C-alpha atoms as a PDB file:
ATOM      1  CA  MET A   1      30.006  10.024  85.166  1.00  0.00           C
ATOM      2  CA  PHE A   2      27.010  10.652  87.462  1.00  0.00           C
ATOM      3  CA  GLY A   3      24.862   7.926  89.032  1.00  0.00           C
ATOM      4  CA  LEU A   4      21.165   8.173  89.531  1.00  0.00           C
ATOM      5  CA  SER A   5      21.352   9.428  93.144  1.00  0.00           C
ATOM      6  CA  GLU A   6      23.790  12.281  92.119  1.00  0.00           C
ATOM      7  CA  LEU A   7      21.344  13.403  89.311  1.00  0.00           C
ATOM      8  CA  ALA A   8      18.437  13.229  91.726  1.00  0.00           C
ATOM      9  CA  ILE A   9      20.275  15.392  94.122  1.00  0.00           C
ATOM     10  CA  ILE A  10      21.345  17.906  91.384  1.00  0.00           C
ATOM     11  CA  LEU A  11      17.702  18.051  90.029  1.00  0.00           C
ATOM     12  CA  ILE A  12      16.380  18.753  93.581  1.00  0.00           C
ATOM     13  CA  VAL A  13      18.879  21.589  94.049  1.00  0.00           C
ATOM     14  CA  VAL A  14      18.024  23.138  90.659  1.00  0.00           C
ATOM     15  CA  ILE A  15      14.272  23.045  91.435  1.00  0.00           C
ATOM     16  CA  ALA A  16      14.890  24.545  94.815  1.00  0.00           C
ATOM     17  CA  VAL A  17      16.876  27.407  93.464  1.00  0.00           C
ATOM     18  CA  LEU A  18      14.559  28.082  90.431  1.00  0.00           C
ATOM     19  CA  CYS A  19      11.413  27.892  92.427  1.00  0.00           C
ATOM     20  CA  ALA A  20      12.540  29.316  95.729  1.00  0.00           C
ATOM     21  CA  LYS A  21       9.776  32.034  95.730  1.00  0.00           C
ATOM     22  CA  LYS A  22       7.013  29.490  95.165  1.00  0.00           C
ATOM     23  CA  LEU A  23       8.162  26.752  97.571  1.00  0.00           C
ATOM     24  CA  PRO A  24       6.470  28.166 100.661  1.00  0.00           C
ATOM     25  CA  GLU A  25       3.143  28.444  98.865  1.00  0.00           C
ATOM     26  CA  LEU A  26       3.461  24.918  97.353  1.00  0.00           C
ATOM     27  CA  ALA A  27       4.220  23.621 100.898  1.00  0.00           C
ATOM     28  CA  ARG A  28       1.258  25.369 102.405  1.00  0.00           C
ATOM     29  CA  SER A  29      -1.121  24.055  99.672  1.00  0.00           C
ATOM     30  CA  ALA A  30       0.354  20.481 100.085  1.00  0.00           C
ATOM     31  CA  GLY A  31      -0.297  20.666 103.756  1.00  0.00           C
ATOM     32  CA  LYS A  32      -3.879  21.814 103.235  1.00  0.00           C
ATOM     33  CA  SER A  33      -4.505  19.021 100.875  1.00  0.00           C
ATOM     34  CA  ALA A  34      -3.191  16.466 103.232  1.00  0.00           C
ATOM     35  CA  ARG A  35      -5.447  17.803 106.179  1.00  0.00           C
ATOM     36  CA  ILE A  36      -8.442  17.684 103.831  1.00  0.00           C
ATOM     37  CA  LEU A  37      -7.585  14.189 102.585  1.00  0.00           C
ATOM     38  CA  LYS A  38      -7.165  13.015 106.341  1.00  0.00           C
ATOM     39  CA  ALA A  39     -10.447  14.618 107.436  1.00  0.00           C
ATOM     40  CA  GLU A  40     -12.285  12.965 104.496  1.00  0.00           C
ATOM     41  CA  ALA A  41     -10.839   9.624 105.301  1.00  0.00           C
ATOM     42  CA  ARG A  42     -11.803   9.896 108.839  1.00  0.00           C
ATOM     43  CA  ALA A  43     -15.316  11.009 107.902  1.00  0.00           C
ATOM     44  CA  MET A  44     -15.779   8.024 105.640  1.00  0.00           C
ATOM     45  CA  LYS A  45     -14.434   5.662 108.348  1.00  0.00           C
ATOM     46  CA  ASP A  46     -16.862   7.205 110.904  1.00  0.00           C
ATOM     47  CA  GLU A  47     -19.746   6.924 108.355  1.00  0.00           C
ATOM     48  CA  ASP A  48     -18.944   3.248 107.800  1.00  0.00           C
ATOM     49  CA  ASP A  49     -18.866   2.534 111.602  1.00  0.00           C
ATOM     50  CA  ARG A  50     -22.363   4.236 112.001  1.00  0.00           C
ATOM     51  CA  ALA A  51     -23.859   2.292 109.054  1.00  0.00           C
ATOM     52  CA  ALA A  52     -23.001  -1.071 110.578  1.00  0.00           C
ATOM     53  CA  PRO A  53     -25.893  -2.510 112.675  1.00  0.00           C
ATOM     54  CA  ARG A  54     -25.343  -2.750 116.452  1.00  0.00           C
ATOM     55  CA  VAL A  55     -26.035  -5.999 117.997  1.00  0.00           C
ATOM     56  CA  ILE A  56     -26.943  -6.089 121.679  1.00  0.00           C
ATOM     57  CA  GLN A  57     -26.869  -9.416 123.383  1.00  0.00           C
ATOM     58  CA  GLY A  58     -30.365 -10.614 124.467  1.00  0.00           C
ATOM     59  CA  GLU A  59     -32.460  -8.197 122.131  1.00  0.00           C
ATOM     60  CA  THR A  60     -34.054  -8.928 118.756  1.00  0.00           C
ATOM     61  CA  ALA A  61     -34.443  -6.415 116.005  1.00  0.00           C
ATOM     62  CA  ASP A  62     -38.006  -5.946 114.562  1.00  0.00           C
ATOM     63  CA  PRO A  63     -37.660  -5.361 110.898  1.00  0.00           C
ATOM     64  CA  ASP A  64     -41.085  -3.683 110.609  1.00  0.00           C
ATOM     65  CA  ALA A  65     -40.028  -0.956 113.031  1.00  0.00           C
ATOM     66  CA  ALA A  66     -37.581   0.437 110.647  1.00  0.00           C
ATOM     67  CA  LYS A  67     -40.188   0.906 107.701  1.00  0.00           C
ATOM     68  CA  PRO A  68     -41.727   4.365 107.261  1.00  0.00           C
ATOM     69  CA  GLN A  69     -45.334   4.512 107.831  1.00  0.00           C
ATOM     70  CA  ALA A  70     -47.763   6.660 105.799  1.00  0.00           C
ATOM     71  CA  PRO A  71     -49.385   9.485 107.706  1.00  0.00           C
ATOM     72  CA  GLY A  72     -52.539   8.451 109.563  1.00  0.00           C
ATOM     73  CA  GLN A  73     -51.350   4.767 110.061  1.00  0.00           C
ATOM     74  CA  HIS A  74     -50.558   3.490 113.333  1.00  0.00           C
ATOM     75  CA  GLN A  75     -48.300   0.384 114.049  1.00  0.00           C
ATOM     76  CA  HIS A  76     -50.033  -2.326 115.956  1.00  0.00           C
ATOM     77  CA  ARG A  77     -47.943  -4.237 118.444  1.00  0.00           C
ATOM     78  CA  GLN A  78     -48.753  -7.640 119.661  1.00  0.00           C
END
């Protein structure tokens, strides 16, 4: 009889013949989806890179400098 690979090939040919009119549209939408997914993954990676603190040798970070101040208050430096 038929093996699994032969059945898979027959199934692919049948789908291609029956859905020939829709294949270009399906391929186009699959390509758009892949581009969107790739762009979103790149954006998430860039966002993670920016969120990480940058360490520069020889400098110290002032944790109070990052706190928002109320209007009218001034930060006093020593």
